[in-house]
Amino acid sequence: MDEGSIPSISTIKNLRKKVFVNNRIKADKVRLIDEEGKQLGVFSLEEALKKAREKDLDLVKVTGKKVSPPVCKIMEYGKYLYELEKREKKQEQKGGELKGVRLGYNISEHDMKIKMKRAEKFLNKGNKVKIEMRLRGRENAHKNIAEEKVKKFLEILRESIAFKVEKDIKRKGRSFTVIISK
């Protein structure tokens, strides 16, 4: 099993604090939805709990605090927690990571293509890519040449994959950086 499939204990505890189930629901009346998703109407909390117990399932509050009466659904509590956790993980992954590709001042054409393939792989996985060219010593005197090489790298990359530039080429200390994403 990989790490992504096993939920962390702290994540589960945080989800349990957010989700109200069975006797933790504090309301006189609730709008009830059965396990197939059909609305049954407004019931007292006791009646809703009774219907859930008859089906050997849990009564789970699925709306926020401000809804009156709160919407509760008859379902398996563990399954609901699992779905919530999956949804949270998907939202976390949405932005993607920031991966880096470092170019040298004296990079050859072949090496540039290898770096381009690595950047393309990162972009296809949904990550952002920070392309950086560090200048050392006398290379700092030829800033314009370094900037042109970064632009050339972006042109070659654009031929193989479409991307958008999130942060333009910027001189930061001794390096030029640009951040791109798909």
Protein backbone atom coordinates (compact mmCIF):
# COMPACT_ATOMS: atom_id res chain seq x y z
CA MET A 1 0.00 0.00 0.00
CA ASP A 2 1.23 3.51 -0.76
CA GLU A 3 1.19 6.39 1.70
CA GLY A 4 -1.70 8.18 -0.02
CA SER A 5 -4.20 5.42 0.74
CA ILE A 6 -3.69 5.37 4.52
CA PRO A 7 -5.29 8.38 6.23
CA SER A 8 -3.32 10.07 8.98
CA ILE A 9 -4.76 9.86 12.47
CA SER A 10 -4.76 13.65 12.88
CA THR A 11 -6.74 14.06 9.63
CA ILE A 12 -9.37 11.59 10.81
CA LYS A 13 -9.63 13.29 14.22
CA ASN A 14 -10.08 16.69 12.56
CA LEU A 15 -12.81 15.32 10.30
CA ARG A 16 -14.59 13.72 13.25
CA LYS A 17 -14.69 17.06 15.03
CA LYS A 18 -16.32 18.70 12.00
CA VAL A 19 -18.93 16.00 11.33
CA PHE A 20 -21.94 15.62 13.60
CA VAL A 21 -23.39 12.13 13.73
CA ASN A 22 -26.30 10.47 15.58
CA ASN A 23 -26.59 11.86 19.13
CA ARG A 24 -24.04 14.65 18.51
CA ILE A 25 -26.57 16.45 16.28
CA LYS A 26 -28.05 19.36 18.24
CA ALA A 27 -31.38 20.22 16.63
CA ASP A 28 -35.05 19.66 17.36
CA LYS A 29 -36.04 19.01 13.75
CA VAL A 30 -34.00 17.86 10.77
CA ARG A 31 -34.58 17.60 7.02
CA LEU A 32 -34.02 13.91 6.28
CA ILE A 33 -32.52 12.30 3.18
CA ASP A 34 -32.42 8.51 2.88
CA GLU A 35 -29.46 6.41 1.72
CA GLU A 36 -30.55 6.58 -1.95
CA GLY A 37 -30.65 10.39 -1.87
CA LYS A 38 -34.44 10.85 -1.75
CA GLN A 39 -35.79 13.63 0.46
CA LEU A 40 -38.15 12.26 3.07
CA GLY A 41 -39.14 15.59 4.64
CA VAL A 42 -38.75 17.29 8.01
CA PHE A 43 -38.71 15.00 11.04
CA SER A 44 -37.95 15.35 14.71
CA LEU A 45 -34.42 14.27 15.64
CA GLU A 46 -35.75 11.23 17.53
CA GLU A 47 -37.76 10.01 14.52
CA ALA A 48 -34.78 10.51 12.19
CA LEU A 49 -32.47 8.58 14.54
CA LYS A 50 -35.06 5.79 14.76
CA LYS A 51 -35.25 5.51 10.94
CA ALA A 52 -31.45 5.36 10.72
CA ARG A 53 -31.22 2.65 13.39
CA GLU A 54 -33.91 0.58 11.63
CA LYS A 55 -31.70 0.46 8.56
CA ASP A 56 -28.57 -0.23 10.66
CA LEU A 57 -26.98 3.03 9.47
CA ASP A 58 -25.99 6.37 10.98
CA LEU A 59 -27.64 9.78 10.84
CA VAL A 60 -25.04 12.27 9.58
CA LYS A 61 -25.45 16.07 9.43
CA VAL A 62 -24.31 17.14 5.96
CA THR A 63 -24.90 20.93 6.11
CA GLY A 64 -23.25 23.80 7.93
CA LYS A 65 -24.31 25.52 11.14
CA LYS A 66 -26.49 28.24 9.61
CA VAL A 67 -29.05 26.01 7.84
CA SER A 68 -32.35 25.63 9.64
CA PRO A 69 -33.48 22.86 9.87
CA PRO A 70 -30.16 21.09 9.27
CA VAL A 71 -30.04 18.51 6.50
CA CYS A 72 -29.18 15.01 7.73
CA LYS A 73 -28.61 11.92 5.66
CA ILE A 74 -28.93 8.26 6.53
CA MET A 75 -25.61 6.64 5.61
CA GLU A 76 -22.54 4.79 6.85
CA TYR A 77 -20.48 7.21 8.94
CA GLY A 78 -17.12 5.59 8.11
CA LYS A 79 -17.81 5.72 4.40
CA TYR A 80 -18.78 9.39 4.69
CA LEU A 81 -15.53 10.22 6.52
CA TYR A 82 -13.57 8.42 3.81
CA GLU A 83 -15.30 10.43 1.06
CA LEU A 84 -14.66 13.70 2.91
CA GLU A 85 -11.00 12.85 3.30
CA LYS A 86 -10.67 12.01 -0.40
CA ARG A 87 -12.27 15.35 -1.28
CA GLU A 88 -9.87 17.25 1.01
CA LYS A 89 -6.84 15.49 -0.48
CA LYS A 90 -8.02 16.31 -3.99
CA GLN A 91 -8.32 19.99 -3.06
CA GLU A 92 -4.82 19.95 -1.58
CA GLN A 93 -3.39 18.44 -4.78
CA LYS A 94 -5.17 20.90 -7.02
CA GLY A 95 -2.38 23.50 -6.95
CA GLY A 96 0.37 20.98 -7.47
CA GLU A 97 3.90 21.20 -6.17
CA LEU A 98 6.59 23.61 -7.27
CA LYS A 99 9.30 21.62 -9.04
CA GLY A 100 12.60 23.07 -10.12
CA VAL A 101 14.70 22.84 -13.26
CA ARG A 102 18.12 24.47 -13.02
CA LEU A 103 19.94 25.57 -16.14
CA GLY A 104 23.64 26.35 -16.34
CA TYR A 105 25.05 29.35 -18.16
CA ASN A 106 27.08 27.14 -20.52
CA ILE A 107 24.29 24.59 -21.13
CA SER A 108 24.53 22.68 -24.42
CA GLU A 109 21.64 22.15 -26.81
CA HIS A 110 21.36 18.46 -25.87
CA ASP A 111 21.36 19.17 -22.13
CA MET A 112 18.70 21.81 -22.68
CA LYS A 113 16.47 19.21 -24.37
CA ILE A 114 16.93 16.81 -21.45
CA LYS A 115 15.97 19.56 -18.99
CA MET A 116 13.02 20.39 -21.24
CA LYS A 117 11.76 16.78 -21.06
CA ARG A 118 12.00 16.89 -17.26
CA ALA A 119 10.03 20.16 -17.15
CA GLU A 120 7.46 18.67 -19.54
CA LYS A 121 7.06 15.63 -17.26
CA PHE A 122 6.49 17.89 -14.23
CA LEU A 123 3.91 19.96 -16.12
CA ASN A 124 2.04 16.85 -17.29
CA LYS A 125 1.75 15.72 -13.66
CA GLY A 126 0.05 19.03 -12.84
CA ASN A 127 2.98 20.65 -11.04
CA LYS A 128 4.29 24.17 -11.43
CA VAL A 129 7.87 24.44 -12.67
CA LYS A 130 10.43 26.99 -11.56
CA ILE A 131 13.14 27.39 -14.18
CA GLU A 132 16.29 28.91 -12.75
CA MET A 133 19.61 29.93 -14.23
CA ARG A 134 22.30 30.77 -11.68
CA LEU A 135 25.15 33.01 -12.70
CA ARG A 136 28.59 32.63 -11.16
CA GLY A 137 31.59 34.91 -11.27
CA ARG A 138 32.12 36.57 -14.64
CA GLU A 139 28.82 35.17 -15.92
CA ASN A 140 27.14 38.05 -14.02
CA ALA A 141 28.61 40.47 -16.55
CA HIS A 142 26.59 38.81 -19.34
CA LYS A 143 23.08 39.06 -17.90
CA ASN A 144 21.49 39.64 -21.30
CA ILE A 145 22.94 36.40 -22.71
CA ALA A 146 21.66 34.44 -19.70
CA GLU A 147 18.19 35.94 -20.08
CA GLU A 148 18.18 35.03 -23.78
CA LYS A 149 19.08 31.42 -22.94
CA VAL A 150 16.14 31.19 -20.51
CA LYS A 151 13.83 32.64 -23.21
CA LYS A 152 15.20 30.14 -25.74
CA PHE A 153 14.53 27.31 -23.27
CA LEU A 154 10.91 28.50 -22.93
CA GLU A 155 10.51 28.69 -26.73
CA ILE A 156 11.77 25.13 -27.19
CA LEU A 157 9.51 23.94 -24.38
CA ARG A 158 6.48 25.73 -25.90
CA GLU A 159 6.93 23.72 -29.11
CA SER A 160 6.29 20.46 -27.26
CA ILE A 161 3.75 21.48 -24.58
CA ALA A 162 1.38 24.38 -23.96
CA PHE A 163 1.96 26.26 -20.72
CA LYS A 164 1.33 29.64 -19.17
CA VAL A 165 3.91 31.83 -17.52
CA GLU A 166 2.83 32.55 -13.94
CA LYS A 167 5.79 34.77 -13.03
CA ASP A 168 7.83 36.38 -15.80
CA ILE A 169 11.58 36.12 -16.09
CA LYS A 170 12.96 37.96 -13.12
CA ARG A 171 16.48 38.68 -11.95
CA LYS A 172 16.81 37.73 -8.31
CA GLY A 173 20.27 38.08 -6.85
CA ARG A 174 22.62 36.01 -8.98
CA SER A 175 19.96 34.12 -10.89
CA PHE A 176 17.13 34.44 -13.39
CA THR A 177 13.88 32.66 -12.51
CA VAL A 178 10.56 32.06 -14.22
CA ILE A 179 7.59 30.02 -12.98
CA ILE A 180 5.33 28.20 -15.43
CA SER A 181 2.30 25.93 -15.16
CA LYS A 182 0.09 23.97 -17.52
